[in-house]
Amino acid sequence: MKKLNQSAVALLACALGTSLILAQDTPAAPAAPAVTLKIGDPAPEMKVGEWYKGGPIKMEADKSYIVECWATWCGPCVAVFPHLSELAKANEGKVTVIGVNIREQIKPAEVKAFVEQQGDNMSYHVVADGEGAIYTNWFKAAGQKGIPCAFVVTKGKIGWIGHPAKLDQKLLDSVLK
């Protein structure tokens, strides 16, 4: 019995020692990225790639924009296309809607075909992220973790950041004031 207790204590000590060693070798979880883009900040440069629909658009400080980040593989992104099209139509001449394809998993030609298939569901300007500048300088810099994600830019500054389905006409009007 005494030998059994000693064995159990030795086994427990080994297990604890191994746990402590493993804990020391386990890298710390990566820190959340610092949020460097907030409401009220100047909008980052609009560095993009190929225009799939409309464009090219050069952002001007005296105009307003909705910049929406999306991908073909994202069901909620596809679901919000008609809503953004409605906002684009209702605010024609006042707000320019630009869908930016980020973090894509298919080739540009396939994205272009996807955009064409959307037809009137996607009645606004659509562009590729190109070298990832929108993902890095807009999406990631704003601490965003999921798409779709929209940015309202007015007077050269970020006026709102969030899920585009939450951006109704009343909210858009208040952001633009």
Protein backbone atom coordinates (compact mmCIF):
# COMPACT_ATOMS: atom_id res chain seq x y z
CA MET A 1 0.00 0.00 0.00
CA LYS A 2 2.82 2.37 0.97
CA LYS A 3 4.56 1.57 -2.33
CA LEU A 4 1.33 2.31 -4.22
CA ASN A 5 1.02 5.73 -2.53
CA GLN A 6 4.65 6.56 -3.34
CA SER A 7 4.06 5.58 -6.97
CA ALA A 8 0.93 7.74 -7.14
CA VAL A 9 2.81 10.72 -5.64
CA ALA A 10 5.69 10.22 -8.09
CA LEU A 11 3.29 9.97 -11.02
CA LEU A 12 1.47 13.11 -9.89
CA ALA A 13 4.76 15.00 -9.51
CA CYS A 14 5.80 13.98 -13.04
CA ALA A 15 2.46 15.05 -14.43
CA LEU A 16 2.63 18.42 -12.70
CA GLY A 17 6.21 18.94 -13.81
CA THR A 18 5.29 18.11 -17.41
CA SER A 19 2.33 20.49 -17.26
CA LEU A 20 4.55 23.29 -16.00
CA ILE A 21 7.10 22.65 -18.72
CA LEU A 22 4.40 22.52 -21.40
CA ALA A 23 2.88 25.74 -20.07
CA GLN A 24 6.27 27.46 -20.33
CA ASP A 25 6.77 26.20 -23.90
CA THR A 26 3.30 27.20 -25.07
CA PRO A 27 3.43 30.55 -26.83
CA ALA A 28 1.11 33.22 -25.52
CA ALA A 29 -2.02 33.88 -27.55
CA PRO A 30 -1.38 36.64 -30.05
CA ALA A 31 -2.50 40.03 -28.88
CA ALA A 32 -5.56 41.49 -30.54
CA PRO A 33 -4.52 43.88 -33.27
CA ALA A 34 -4.41 47.48 -32.21
CA VAL A 35 -7.35 49.46 -33.52
CA THR A 36 -5.79 52.29 -35.48
CA LEU A 37 -8.80 53.29 -37.58
CA LYS A 38 -11.78 54.75 -35.74
CA ILE A 39 -14.81 56.89 -36.44
CA GLY A 40 -13.63 60.45 -37.02
CA ASP A 41 -10.27 59.41 -38.45
CA PRO A 42 -9.27 60.38 -41.98
CA ALA A 43 -10.19 57.65 -44.46
CA PRO A 44 -7.17 55.62 -45.58
CA GLU A 45 -6.07 55.76 -49.19
CA MET A 46 -8.28 53.77 -51.53
CA LYS A 47 -5.61 51.52 -53.06
CA VAL A 48 -7.44 48.88 -55.06
CA GLY A 49 -6.96 46.46 -57.94
CA GLU A 50 -9.13 45.56 -60.92
CA TRP A 51 -12.56 47.18 -61.22
CA TYR A 52 -15.15 44.48 -61.83
CA LYS A 53 -18.09 46.86 -62.18
CA GLY A 54 -18.20 50.63 -62.58
CA GLY A 55 -15.20 52.72 -61.58
CA PRO A 56 -12.53 53.63 -61.43
CA ILE A 57 -13.41 55.83 -58.48
CA LYS A 58 -10.99 58.21 -56.83
CA MET A 59 -12.22 59.26 -53.41
CA GLU A 60 -12.71 62.99 -53.08
CA ALA A 61 -12.80 64.80 -49.71
CA ASP A 62 -16.05 66.63 -50.48
CA LYS A 63 -18.01 63.47 -51.41
CA SER A 64 -19.51 60.59 -49.43
CA TYR A 65 -18.97 56.87 -49.87
CA ILE A 66 -19.98 53.50 -48.52
CA VAL A 67 -17.02 51.13 -48.77
CA GLU A 68 -18.14 47.55 -48.17
CA CYS A 69 -15.77 44.61 -47.70
CA TRP A 70 -17.06 41.27 -48.99
CA ALA A 71 -16.07 37.92 -50.55
CA THR A 72 -17.78 35.44 -52.88
CA TRP A 73 -17.62 32.65 -50.27
CA CYS A 74 -19.45 34.76 -47.66
CA GLY A 75 -23.20 34.02 -47.56
CA PRO A 76 -24.08 37.08 -45.43
CA CYS A 77 -22.14 39.25 -47.91
CA VAL A 78 -24.20 37.97 -50.84
CA ALA A 79 -27.40 38.44 -48.82
CA VAL A 80 -26.67 42.14 -48.25
CA PHE A 81 -25.97 42.99 -51.94
CA PRO A 82 -29.60 43.97 -52.66
CA HIS A 83 -29.71 46.23 -49.58
CA LEU A 84 -26.55 48.04 -50.71
CA SER A 85 -28.02 48.34 -54.21
CA GLU A 86 -31.12 49.99 -52.71
CA LEU A 87 -28.95 52.42 -50.75
CA ALA A 88 -26.94 53.19 -53.90
CA LYS A 89 -30.10 53.90 -55.89
CA ALA A 90 -31.79 55.95 -53.13
CA ASN A 91 -28.67 58.07 -52.66
CA GLU A 92 -27.55 58.43 -56.27
CA GLY A 93 -25.54 61.64 -56.66
CA LYS A 94 -25.14 61.89 -52.88
CA VAL A 95 -23.29 58.68 -51.89
CA THR A 96 -21.14 56.34 -53.98
CA VAL A 97 -21.26 52.67 -52.95
CA ILE A 98 -18.10 50.64 -53.55
CA GLY A 99 -17.93 46.90 -52.84
CA VAL A 100 -14.34 45.77 -52.24
CA ASN A 101 -13.66 42.06 -52.67
CA ILE A 102 -11.25 41.08 -49.86
CA ARG A 103 -9.68 37.81 -48.69
CA GLU A 104 -10.88 36.04 -51.82
CA GLN A 105 -10.30 32.34 -52.40
CA ILE A 106 -10.88 32.22 -56.17
CA LYS A 107 -9.19 33.78 -59.20
CA PRO A 108 -10.00 37.35 -60.32
CA ALA A 109 -11.68 36.10 -63.52
CA GLU A 110 -14.00 33.94 -61.40
CA VAL A 111 -14.80 36.92 -59.13
CA LYS A 112 -15.60 39.02 -62.19
CA ALA A 113 -17.96 36.31 -63.48
CA PHE A 114 -19.57 36.10 -60.01
CA VAL A 115 -20.15 39.88 -59.99
CA GLU A 116 -21.68 39.73 -63.49
CA GLN A 117 -24.01 36.92 -62.37
CA GLN A 118 -25.30 39.11 -59.53
CA GLY A 119 -26.84 41.53 -62.03
CA ASP A 120 -29.15 44.06 -60.36
CA ASN A 121 -28.49 42.54 -56.93
CA MET A 122 -25.13 44.30 -57.10
CA SER A 123 -25.99 47.67 -58.65
CA TYR A 124 -22.95 49.61 -57.48
CA HIS A 125 -19.21 49.84 -58.09
CA VAL A 126 -17.21 46.68 -57.37
CA VAL A 127 -13.43 46.33 -57.17
CA ALA A 128 -10.73 43.86 -56.13
CA ASP A 129 -8.60 44.56 -53.07
CA GLY A 130 -5.54 44.06 -55.26
CA GLU A 131 -2.55 43.85 -52.95
CA GLY A 132 -4.61 43.71 -49.75
CA ALA A 133 -4.43 47.40 -48.83
CA ILE A 134 -8.15 47.64 -48.03
CA TYR A 135 -7.98 44.52 -45.87
CA THR A 136 -4.95 45.85 -43.99
CA ASN A 137 -5.51 49.61 -43.85
CA TRP A 138 -9.29 49.61 -43.46
CA PHE A 139 -10.73 46.30 -42.25
CA LYS A 140 -7.91 45.04 -40.02
CA ALA A 141 -6.94 48.54 -38.86
CA ALA A 142 -10.53 49.05 -37.66
CA GLY A 143 -10.27 45.87 -35.59
CA GLN A 144 -12.92 44.13 -37.67
CA LYS A 145 -13.08 40.35 -37.63
CA GLY A 146 -15.92 39.42 -39.96
CA ILE A 147 -17.41 40.33 -43.29
CA PRO A 148 -19.48 41.90 -44.59
CA CYS A 149 -18.23 45.13 -43.09
CA ALA A 150 -19.00 48.62 -44.32
CA PHE A 151 -17.41 52.00 -43.77
CA VAL A 152 -19.24 55.25 -44.39
CA VAL A 153 -16.83 57.97 -45.45
CA THR A 154 -17.96 61.56 -45.47
CA LYS A 155 -15.90 64.73 -45.77
CA GLY A 156 -12.80 62.53 -46.04
CA LYS A 157 -13.37 60.94 -42.61
CA ILE A 158 -14.72 57.66 -41.34
CA GLY A 159 -18.28 58.33 -40.19
CA TRP A 160 -19.49 54.82 -39.39
CA ILE A 161 -18.18 51.23 -39.30
CA GLY A 162 -20.35 48.12 -39.08
CA HIS A 163 -22.42 45.42 -40.70
CA PRO A 164 -24.04 46.90 -43.82
CA ALA A 165 -27.43 45.34 -43.00
CA LYS A 166 -27.59 47.72 -40.01
CA LEU A 167 -27.01 50.72 -42.26
CA ASP A 168 -30.51 51.93 -43.08
CA GLN A 169 -31.43 55.25 -44.68
CA LYS A 170 -32.09 56.98 -41.34
CA LEU A 171 -28.68 55.98 -39.96
CA LEU A 172 -26.95 56.92 -43.22
CA ASP A 173 -28.60 60.35 -43.20
CA SER A 174 -27.49 60.96 -39.61
CA VAL A 175 -23.89 59.93 -40.41
CA LEU A 176 -23.80 62.22 -43.45
CA LYS A 177 -24.85 65.28 -41.40
